Protein backbone atom coordinates (compact mmCIF):
# COMPACT_ATOMS: atom_id res chain seq x y z
CA GLN A 1 1.19 -3.56 -22.53
CA ILE A 2 2.10 -1.19 -19.58
CA GLY A 3 5.67 -2.75 -19.85
CA ALA A 4 6.10 -2.42 -23.41
CA PHE A 5 4.79 1.25 -23.39
CA GLY A 6 7.71 1.88 -20.49
CA LYS A 7 10.43 0.33 -22.53
CA ALA A 8 9.18 2.14 -25.73
CA VAL A 9 9.63 5.42 -23.56
CA ASP A 10 12.88 4.46 -22.37
CA ALA A 11 14.14 3.73 -25.88
CA ALA A 12 12.96 7.23 -27.19
CA LEU A 13 14.88 8.90 -24.24
CA THR A 14 17.84 7.28 -25.15
CA GLU A 15 17.57 8.24 -28.88
CA ALA A 16 16.93 11.93 -27.64
CA ARG A 17 19.96 11.86 -25.38
CA GLN A 18 22.35 10.81 -28.42
CA LEU A 19 20.83 13.45 -30.45
CA LEU A 20 20.85 16.50 -28.01
CA PRO A 21 24.03 18.28 -26.71
CA GLU A 22 25.93 16.94 -23.62
CA ASP A 23 25.15 19.65 -21.71
CA VAL A 24 21.35 19.07 -21.93
CA VAL A 25 19.73 16.58 -19.37
CA ILE A 26 16.47 14.91 -20.30
CA ALA A 27 14.77 12.15 -18.30
CA ARG A 28 11.16 11.59 -17.86
CA THR A 29 9.54 12.92 -14.63
CA SER A 30 6.84 9.78 -14.50
CA ASP A 31 8.20 6.30 -13.91
CA GLN A 32 4.50 5.20 -13.43
CA PRO A 33 4.37 3.03 -16.29
CA ARG A 34 7.42 0.82 -15.18
CA GLN A 35 5.93 1.10 -11.19
CA VAL A 36 2.71 -0.11 -12.20
CA SER A 37 4.38 -2.92 -14.05
CA GLU A 38 6.38 -4.09 -11.44
CA ASN A 39 3.75 -3.77 -8.93
CA VAL A 40 1.59 -6.24 -10.76
CA ASP A 41 4.53 -8.61 -11.47
CA LEU A 42 5.47 -8.38 -7.65
CA PHE A 43 1.73 -9.26 -6.43
CA MET A 44 1.56 -12.00 -9.20
CA SER A 45 4.55 -13.67 -7.89
CA SER A 46 3.00 -13.78 -4.34
CA LEU A 47 0.18 -14.97 -5.77
CA TYR A 48 2.14 -17.99 -7.21
CA GLU A 49 3.96 -18.52 -4.16
CA ALA A 50 0.77 -18.56 -2.15
CA VAL A 51 -0.58 -21.22 -4.33
CA ALA A 52 2.72 -23.20 -3.95
CA LEU A 53 2.57 -22.96 -0.30
CA VAL A 54 -1.02 -24.33 -0.13
CA VAL A 55 -0.52 -27.28 -2.11
CA LEU A 56 2.46 -27.98 -0.32
CA VAL A 57 0.75 -27.72 2.92
CA ALA A 58 -2.22 -29.99 1.63
CA LEU A 59 0.31 -32.70 0.71
CA VAL A 60 1.88 -32.60 4.19
CA GLY A 61 -1.72 -32.47 5.86
CA PHE A 62 -3.36 -35.45 3.90
CA TRP A 63 -0.10 -37.21 3.24
CA GLU A 64 -1.42 -38.59 -0.09
CA TRP A 65 -1.01 -37.35 -3.18
CA ARG A 66 -4.32 -38.04 -4.64
CA SER A 67 -5.99 -35.82 -2.30
CA ALA A 68 -3.51 -33.03 -2.60
CA ALA A 69 -3.85 -33.47 -6.41
CA VAL A 70 -7.51 -32.60 -6.10
CA LEU A 71 -6.90 -29.76 -4.11
CA ALA A 72 -4.11 -28.49 -6.23
CA LEU A 73 -6.57 -28.85 -9.43
CA SER A 74 -9.27 -26.86 -7.44
CA ILE A 75 -7.11 -24.04 -7.16
CA PRO A 76 -6.50 -22.87 -10.46
CA ILE A 77 -10.19 -23.84 -11.56
CA THR A 78 -11.34 -21.47 -8.85
CA LEU A 79 -9.03 -18.50 -9.73
CA PHE A 80 -10.07 -18.71 -13.39
CA MET A 81 -13.58 -18.79 -12.59
CA THR A 82 -12.98 -15.86 -10.49
CA TYR A 83 -10.91 -14.05 -13.34
CA GLY A 84 -14.34 -14.30 -15.30
CA PHE A 85 -16.57 -12.75 -12.41
CA MET A 86 -14.11 -10.09 -12.16
CA HIS A 87 -14.17 -9.54 -15.84
CA LEU A 88 -17.95 -9.53 -15.97
CA LEU A 89 -17.80 -6.79 -12.80
CA GLY A 90 -15.33 -4.58 -14.96
CA ILE A 91 -12.85 -5.24 -12.40
CA ASP A 92 -8.86 -5.30 -13.62
CA LEU A 93 -5.98 -6.75 -12.30
CA GLN A 94 -4.32 -4.21 -9.87
CA GLN A 95 -2.80 -4.07 -6.50
CA ILE A 96 -5.85 -4.42 -4.33
CA SER A 97 -7.41 -7.29 -6.58
CA ILE A 98 -4.40 -9.04 -6.66
CA ALA A 99 -4.00 -8.79 -2.83
CA SER A 100 -7.53 -9.82 -2.48
CA LEU A 101 -7.04 -13.08 -4.44
CA ILE A 102 -3.87 -13.64 -2.11
CA ILE A 103 -6.30 -13.25 0.96
CA ALA A 104 -8.98 -15.48 -0.53
CA LEU A 105 -6.53 -18.17 -1.14
CA GLY A 106 -6.98 -19.24 2.66
CA LEU A 107 -10.60 -19.07 2.07
CA LEU A 108 -11.42 -20.69 -1.34
CA VAL A 109 -9.46 -23.90 -0.56
CA ASP A 110 -12.14 -24.75 2.71
CA ASP A 111 -14.77 -25.74 0.28
CA PRO A 112 -12.84 -28.41 -1.58
CA VAL A 113 -10.78 -29.64 1.37
CA VAL A 114 -14.32 -30.10 3.20
CA ALA A 115 -16.04 -31.82 0.20
CA GLY A 116 -12.61 -34.03 -0.59
CA ASP A 117 -12.43 -35.09 2.59
CA ALA A 118 -16.28 -36.08 2.77
CA ILE A 119 -15.82 -38.03 -0.38
CA LYS A 120 -12.63 -39.91 1.18
CA ARG A 121 -14.91 -40.60 4.01
CA ASN A 122 -17.77 -42.24 2.19
CA LEU A 123 -15.20 -44.25 -0.14
CA ALA A 124 -13.89 -45.76 3.21
CA LEU A 125 -17.43 -46.91 4.08
CA GLY A 126 -17.80 -48.74 1.21
CA HIS A 127 -19.87 -46.71 -1.16
CA PRO A 128 -19.08 -46.96 -4.90
CA PRO A 129 -16.84 -43.83 -6.46
CA ILE A 130 -19.51 -42.44 -8.16
CA VAL A 131 -22.10 -42.55 -5.15
CA ALA A 132 -19.21 -41.38 -2.72
CA SER A 133 -18.23 -38.37 -4.95
CA TRP A 134 -21.99 -37.04 -5.31
CA LEU A 135 -23.06 -38.18 -1.28
CA GLY A 136 -20.16 -36.60 0.38
CA PRO A 137 -20.51 -32.93 -0.84
CA THR A 138 -24.34 -33.33 -0.81
CA LYS A 139 -24.43 -34.47 3.15
CA LEU A 140 -22.35 -31.07 3.90
CA ALA A 141 -23.77 -28.69 1.53
CA ARG A 142 -25.92 -26.54 4.03
CA ALA A 143 -22.96 -26.38 6.10
CA ILE A 144 -20.54 -25.47 3.37
CA LEU A 145 -23.07 -22.79 2.01
CA PHE A 146 -23.37 -20.88 5.34
CA ALA A 147 -19.83 -21.07 5.90
CA THR A 148 -19.49 -19.39 2.48
CA ILE A 149 -22.12 -16.80 3.34
CA THR A 150 -20.55 -15.67 6.60
CA ASN A 151 -17.29 -15.20 5.19
CA ILE A 152 -18.76 -13.24 2.32
CA VAL A 153 -20.72 -11.01 4.81
CA ALA A 154 -17.74 -10.69 7.08
CA TYR A 155 -15.81 -8.57 4.27
CA LEU A 156 -19.13 -6.94 2.92
CA PRO A 157 -18.82 -3.66 5.29
CA PHE A 158 -15.64 -2.42 3.43
CA LEU A 159 -18.23 -1.40 0.67
CA THR A 160 -19.64 1.24 3.18
CA LEU A 161 -16.38 3.13 3.66
CA PRO A 162 -16.72 6.65 2.65
CA GLY A 163 -14.38 8.97 0.70
CA ASP A 164 -10.91 8.00 -0.83
CA VAL A 165 -10.39 5.08 1.59
CA GLY A 166 -13.48 3.48 0.14
CA LYS A 167 -12.64 3.91 -3.31
CA PHE A 168 -9.11 2.33 -2.86
CA ILE A 169 -10.48 -0.73 -0.73
CA PHE A 170 -13.64 -1.01 -3.02
CA THR A 171 -12.54 -4.19 -4.96
CA LEU A 172 -11.37 -5.93 -1.77
CA PRO A 173 -14.89 -7.37 -0.95
CA ILE A 174 -16.02 -7.78 -4.55
CA VAL A 175 -12.91 -9.87 -5.26
CA LEU A 176 -13.15 -11.96 -2.27
CA THR A 177 -17.21 -12.56 -2.86
CA CYS A 178 -16.53 -13.74 -6.22
CA SER A 179 -13.76 -15.99 -4.94
CA LEU A 180 -15.85 -17.47 -2.36
CA VAL A 181 -18.80 -18.11 -4.76
CA ALA A 182 -16.40 -19.71 -7.14
CA SER A 183 -15.26 -21.72 -4.52
CA ARG A 184 -18.66 -22.94 -3.81
CA LEU A 185 -19.42 -24.06 -7.22
CA VAL A 186 -16.28 -25.66 -7.69
CA SER A 187 -16.85 -27.82 -4.57
CA MET A 188 -19.99 -29.06 -5.61
CA THR A 189 -18.96 -29.64 -9.30
CA PHE A 190 -15.47 -29.94 -10.04
CA VAL A 191 -14.59 -31.61 -6.88
CA PRO A 192 -16.96 -34.57 -7.17
CA LEU A 193 -15.72 -34.92 -10.61
CA LEU A 194 -11.98 -34.79 -9.84
CA GLY A 195 -12.78 -37.01 -6.81
CA TYR A 196 -14.32 -39.76 -9.01
CA TYR A 197 -11.37 -40.24 -11.04
CA PHE A 198 -8.61 -39.63 -8.39
CA LEU A 199 -9.65 -40.39 -5.07
CA ARG A 200 -9.17 -44.03 -3.91
CA PRO A 201 -10.64 -45.59 -0.60
CA SER A 202 -7.72 -46.02 1.91
CA LYS A 203 -6.63 -49.49 2.92
CA HIS A 204 -7.16 -49.09 6.62
CA GLU A 205 -9.13 -46.11 7.80
CA PRO A 206 -8.39 -45.27 11.42
CA THR A 207 -11.02 -45.40 13.64
CA LEU A 208 -11.75 -42.21 16.14
CA GLU A 209 -10.23 -44.20 18.98
CA GLU A 210 -6.98 -44.83 17.08
CA ARG A 211 -6.51 -41.10 16.19
CA ARG A 212 -6.82 -40.28 19.57
CA SER A 213 -4.14 -42.96 21.18
CA LYS A 214 -1.26 -41.63 18.64
CA GLY A 215 0.54 -39.14 16.84
CA PHE A 216 -1.09 -35.56 16.81
CA GLY A 217 -4.53 -36.85 17.99
CA LYS A 218 -2.93 -38.07 20.92
CA TYR A 219 -1.45 -34.59 22.35
CA TYR A 220 -4.48 -32.97 20.96
CA GLN A 221 -6.72 -34.97 23.12
CA ARG A 222 -4.71 -34.18 26.11
CA VAL A 223 -4.98 -30.55 25.38
CA VAL A 224 -8.47 -30.66 25.04
CA GLY A 225 -9.15 -32.72 27.77
CA PHE A 226 -7.27 -30.31 30.17
CA ALA A 227 -8.87 -27.31 28.86
CA ILE A 228 -12.45 -28.67 29.55
CA ASP A 229 -11.38 -30.01 32.81
CA HIS A 230 -9.90 -26.75 34.09
CA ARG A 231 -12.45 -24.69 31.84
CA TRP A 232 -12.53 -21.56 34.21
CA ILE A 233 -8.77 -21.28 34.14
CA VAL A 234 -8.65 -21.28 30.54
CA LEU A 235 -11.30 -18.84 30.02
CA LEU A 236 -9.54 -16.59 32.62
CA ALA A 237 -6.32 -17.09 30.85
CA SER A 238 -7.83 -16.29 27.54
CA LEU A 239 -9.22 -12.95 28.85
CA VAL A 240 -5.85 -11.96 30.11
CA VAL A 241 -4.32 -12.60 26.54
CA LEU A 242 -7.13 -10.71 24.90
CA VAL A 243 -6.70 -7.69 27.04
CA GLY A 244 -2.96 -7.97 26.44
CA ALA A 245 -3.48 -8.18 22.75
CA PHE A 246 -5.48 -5.08 22.84
CA GLY A 247 -2.86 -3.11 24.87
CA PHE A 248 -0.19 -3.77 22.09
CA ALA A 249 -2.37 -3.08 19.36
CA GLY A 250 -2.83 0.50 20.78
CA ARG A 251 1.10 0.84 20.17
CA LEU A 252 0.94 -0.18 16.44
CA LYS A 253 1.66 2.56 13.74
CA GLN A 254 -1.33 3.15 11.78
CA ALA A 255 -1.38 4.07 8.03
CA PHE A 256 -3.93 2.95 5.72
CA PHE A 257 -2.23 4.46 2.70
CA PRO A 258 1.34 3.88 3.30
CA LYS A 259 4.27 5.33 1.45
CA ASP A 260 4.75 4.04 -2.03
CA TYR A 261 7.73 1.90 -3.09
CA SER A 262 8.76 4.40 -5.81
CA TYR A 263 11.78 5.10 -7.70
CA LEU A 264 10.81 8.98 -7.52
CA SER A 265 10.74 11.31 -4.41
CA TYR A 266 10.38 15.31 -4.72
CA VAL A 267 11.58 18.49 -2.54
CA ASN A 268 9.63 21.30 -2.55
CA VAL A 269 11.76 24.53 -1.75
CA TRP A 270 10.06 27.77 -0.52
CA LEU A 271 11.56 31.10 0.01
CA PRO A 272 10.17 33.95 1.49
CA GLU A 273 7.29 35.74 -0.39
CA ASP A 274 9.26 38.50 -1.71
CA ALA A 275 12.14 36.68 -2.98
CA PRO A 276 13.22 37.03 -6.76
CA LEU A 277 13.20 34.27 -9.19
CA GLY A 278 16.96 34.50 -9.50
CA ALA A 279 17.28 33.67 -5.73
CA THR A 280 14.92 30.76 -5.93
CA ALA A 281 17.11 29.42 -8.87
CA GLU A 282 20.21 29.65 -6.90
CA VAL A 283 18.58 28.03 -3.63
CA ALA A 284 17.51 25.15 -5.99
CA ARG A 285 21.08 24.70 -7.46
CA GLU A 286 22.51 24.50 -3.94
CA ALA A 287 19.75 21.83 -3.27
CA ASP A 288 20.75 19.85 -6.27
CA GLU A 289 24.25 19.94 -4.77
CA VAL A 290 23.37 18.85 -1.64
CA ILE A 291 21.26 16.09 -2.77
CA ARG A 292 24.03 14.59 -5.03
CA ARG A 293 26.64 14.60 -2.50
CA THR A 294 24.28 13.39 -0.03
CA ILE A 295 23.23 10.33 -1.96
CA GLU A 296 26.92 9.64 -3.06
CA GLN A 297 28.04 9.72 0.77
CA TRP A 298 25.16 7.35 1.61
CA SER A 299 25.98 4.92 -1.15
CA GLN A 300 29.58 4.57 0.24
CA LEU A 301 28.31 3.52 3.74
CA GLN A 302 26.30 0.69 2.07
CA PRO A 303 28.53 -2.19 0.62
CA GLU A 304 25.55 -3.30 -1.68
CA TYR A 305 25.43 0.25 -3.32
CA ALA A 306 29.19 0.96 -3.07
CA ASN A 307 29.98 0.08 -6.78
CA LYS A 308 26.61 0.91 -8.56
CA PRO A 309 25.19 4.21 -8.92
CA VAL A 310 22.08 4.96 -6.84
CA LEU A 311 21.11 8.77 -8.12
CA LYS A 312 19.75 8.35 -11.57
CA SER A 313 18.29 11.68 -12.02
CA ILE A 314 17.21 15.17 -10.55
CA THR A 315 14.64 17.28 -12.30
CA THR A 316 14.37 20.99 -11.52
CA PHE A 317 11.24 23.14 -11.92
CA VAL A 318 11.96 26.85 -10.66
CA GLY A 319 9.06 29.28 -10.32
CA GLY A 320 6.23 26.69 -9.85
CA GLY A 321 5.68 23.08 -9.91
CA GLY A 322 6.25 20.48 -12.59
CA PRO A 323 3.56 18.24 -14.59
CA ARG A 324 1.56 15.96 -12.43
CA PHE A 325 3.80 13.12 -12.23
CA TRP A 326 1.92 11.17 -9.68
CA PHE A 327 -1.94 11.16 -8.87
CA SER A 328 -1.43 12.21 -5.10
CA VAL A 329 1.09 15.24 -6.21
CA THR A 330 -0.74 18.42 -7.08
CA PRO A 331 1.39 20.79 -8.74
CA GLU A 332 1.77 24.45 -7.37
CA VAL A 333 0.85 27.39 -9.16
CA GLN A 334 3.35 29.56 -10.76
CA GLN A 335 5.25 31.56 -8.24
CA ALA A 336 8.69 33.23 -8.07
CA ASN A 337 9.42 31.93 -4.42
CA TYR A 338 9.04 28.43 -5.09
CA ALA A 339 10.93 25.45 -6.76
CA GLN A 340 10.72 21.56 -6.99
CA LEU A 341 13.54 19.11 -7.47
CA VAL A 342 12.28 15.42 -8.51
CA VAL A 343 14.81 12.86 -7.45
CA GLU A 344 14.85 9.66 -9.52
CA VAL A 345 17.01 6.49 -7.93
CA ASN A 346 17.82 3.43 -9.68
CA ASP A 347 16.53 1.23 -6.87
CA LYS A 348 12.89 1.75 -5.49
CA HIS A 349 14.09 0.49 -2.10
CA VAL A 350 16.67 3.22 -1.60
CA THR A 351 14.09 6.14 -1.77
CA ASN A 352 12.55 5.25 1.83
CA GLU A 353 16.24 4.88 3.01
CA ILE A 354 17.61 8.21 2.13
CA THR A 355 14.59 10.56 2.59
CA ASP A 356 15.72 11.42 6.17
CA SER A 357 19.38 11.78 5.32
CA LEU A 358 18.34 14.27 2.59
CA GLN A 359 15.92 16.21 4.79
CA GLN A 360 18.58 16.68 7.45
CA ALA A 361 21.34 17.32 4.87
CA LEU A 362 18.95 20.23 3.30
CA SER A 363 17.83 21.67 6.28
CA ARG A 364 21.34 21.98 7.76
CA GLU A 365 22.99 23.35 4.91
CA ILE A 366 20.49 25.61 3.29
CA ALA A 367 19.58 28.44 5.28
CA GLY A 368 16.59 31.10 4.51
CA ALA A 369 14.57 28.71 2.81
CA ARG A 370 11.84 26.35 3.66
CA ILE A 371 12.32 22.66 2.37
CA ASP A 372 10.56 19.44 2.66
CA VAL A 373 11.63 16.10 1.34
CA ARG A 374 8.43 13.99 0.43
CA GLN A 375 7.66 10.27 -0.66
CA LEU A 376 5.03 9.36 -3.12
CA GLU A 377 1.93 8.41 -1.21
CA ASN A 378 -1.05 5.89 -2.39
CA GLY A 379 -3.80 7.90 -0.95
CA LYS A 380 -4.94 11.39 -0.01
CA PRO A 381 -1.54 13.72 0.37
CA VAL A 382 -0.99 13.98 4.01
CA GLY A 383 0.87 17.58 3.84
CA ILE A 384 1.28 18.60 7.35
CA PRO A 385 0.99 15.66 9.54
CA VAL A 386 -0.06 17.97 12.70
CA ALA A 387 -1.40 21.61 12.48
CA PHE A 388 -2.89 23.96 14.80
CA ARG A 389 -5.43 26.81 14.17
CA VAL A 390 -5.28 30.12 15.91
CA GLN A 391 -8.31 32.29 15.44
CA GLY A 392 -9.19 35.72 16.64
CA GLU A 393 -9.78 39.28 15.72
CA ASP A 394 -6.43 40.89 16.83
CA VAL A 395 -3.64 40.15 14.27
CA GLN A 396 -0.65 40.74 16.83
CA THR A 397 -2.31 38.53 19.49
CA ARG A 398 -2.95 35.76 17.06
CA ARG A 399 0.94 36.01 16.05
CA ASP A 400 1.66 36.03 19.86
CA ILE A 401 -0.27 32.83 20.52
CA ALA A 402 1.41 31.38 17.33
CA GLU A 403 4.73 31.97 18.46
CA ARG A 404 4.14 30.53 21.80
CA ALA A 405 2.69 27.46 20.47
CA LYS A 406 5.82 27.07 18.32
CA GLU A 407 7.82 27.15 21.21
CA ILE A 408 5.98 24.45 22.72
CA MET A 409 6.10 22.16 20.01
CA ARG A 410 10.29 22.90 19.37
CA ALA A 411 10.57 21.94 22.96
CA SER A 412 9.24 18.43 21.98
CA PRO A 413 11.99 15.70 20.83
CA LEU A 414 9.30 14.33 18.34
CA ALA A 415 8.79 17.81 16.47
CA GLU A 416 10.67 18.82 13.60
CA ARG A 417 10.27 21.84 10.91
CA VAL A 418 7.86 23.72 13.02
CA ARG A 419 6.50 26.90 11.32
CA ASP A 420 3.36 28.84 10.71
CA SER A 421 1.10 29.72 7.58
CA TRP A 422 1.53 33.53 8.13
CA GLY A 423 5.26 33.81 6.98
CA ALA A 424 7.99 36.12 7.92
CA GLU A 425 7.31 39.89 8.60
CA SER A 426 8.27 41.87 5.50
CA PHE A 427 8.07 45.78 5.05
CA SER A 428 5.27 46.77 2.84
CA VAL A 429 4.54 50.29 1.22
CA ARG A 430 0.89 51.35 0.47
CA LEU A 431 -0.36 54.78 -0.99
CA ALA A 432 -3.26 56.17 0.72
CA VAL A 433 -5.15 58.63 -1.46
CA GLU A 434 -7.48 61.09 -0.25
CA PRO A 435 -10.21 61.03 -3.17
CA ASP A 436 -11.55 64.75 -2.18
CA ARG A 437 -8.30 66.59 -2.54
CA ALA A 438 -7.32 64.42 -5.54
CA ASN A 439 -10.69 65.69 -7.21
CA LEU A 440 -10.03 69.32 -6.13
CA ALA A 441 -6.56 68.95 -8.06
CA GLY A 442 -8.43 67.49 -11.13
CA ILE A 443 -6.73 64.17 -11.24
CA SER A 444 -8.15 60.75 -10.46
CA ASN A 445 -7.10 57.83 -8.01
CA LEU A 446 -5.37 56.29 -11.22
CA ASP A 447 -3.43 59.43 -12.23
CA VAL A 448 -2.23 59.48 -8.48
């Protein structure tokens, strides 16, 4: 439905462009319907790929089509049951819920694999199919149950996360719990049913000694034997690897809400407080030209974009921000010294690549204005990544300390666009009325 709505909007815009004069540019400032639709399609394709990979691994691991078929059939049954639980709990298919399903795929196949293997073993012991199908999963029922509970409990702490992070990640433990409960039910019901009709006893079930004497089991036996014989060396090596892993983990970039892959980005333009609306409009026009020229130059350097347009539209708002076109972008109030440009490209993967180039070009070519190029964010907007607060009673002392702090930050090669919230000094005139003299003259403060 979202995709159909986006297509309807595109058709309406096309008709409007044909009816309006050529010098009128019309474009929708929000591409969220198409964005949401494509994100869901992307996650669903990832889910299909994950299912195919799990079935392929099962086929290679079991090396028998019957066992792989039981596992392959148990996956859609489990997913359909999970969808039913999600519907009962009011959870929709969105980025987090579908990502949770992909994560759960590696967990929800554990129970069917164990149950199917137990049925195979009982068939190899000579039990009839109906007995083996019941006896295999029943023997391991307690172990499977507690393994499922352990996996569920491991993800429940996500429910305690506060604020926007907790709201964003809330569906992950819920969907995982639904999928694991569904997997548990499938392993004790549908898998025995499928095993009864599909699984057959092997002609020759290798003994434990035979498994350890050839193939993978032979090398595995050697590795495990060496680890047991030299347990202290193996323990020490494991601790070294663990400490090294923590050292590398500290260098990883952290971003719980990464930048969104979107067709849209936006540019905030701030002039001094006393700038008139005409000056703001002129700077916005210059920024528009710089953006178009920079994107054109960037596309010429990229072979895959050399012969197709990168930029789709630029929508400019002068004297205030545009309407809320993204949930994390708060429109600025009406003020003469502010302008906003919304940039839309034809390929959403380009947005992340051109942002730095646009920022450098705008900062270099437009003087006297504070310009910030920003991408859309999935969570709470970051705004200013690093900020320091200077407090005190004396105004001049605070400004002096702020200037020294800015000099220190400008000296760092990692800092850019260092500024303060005070703004530039400006000349102002205030009229000071002496009430007593005004009253003696017979006039009020309003008259003065």
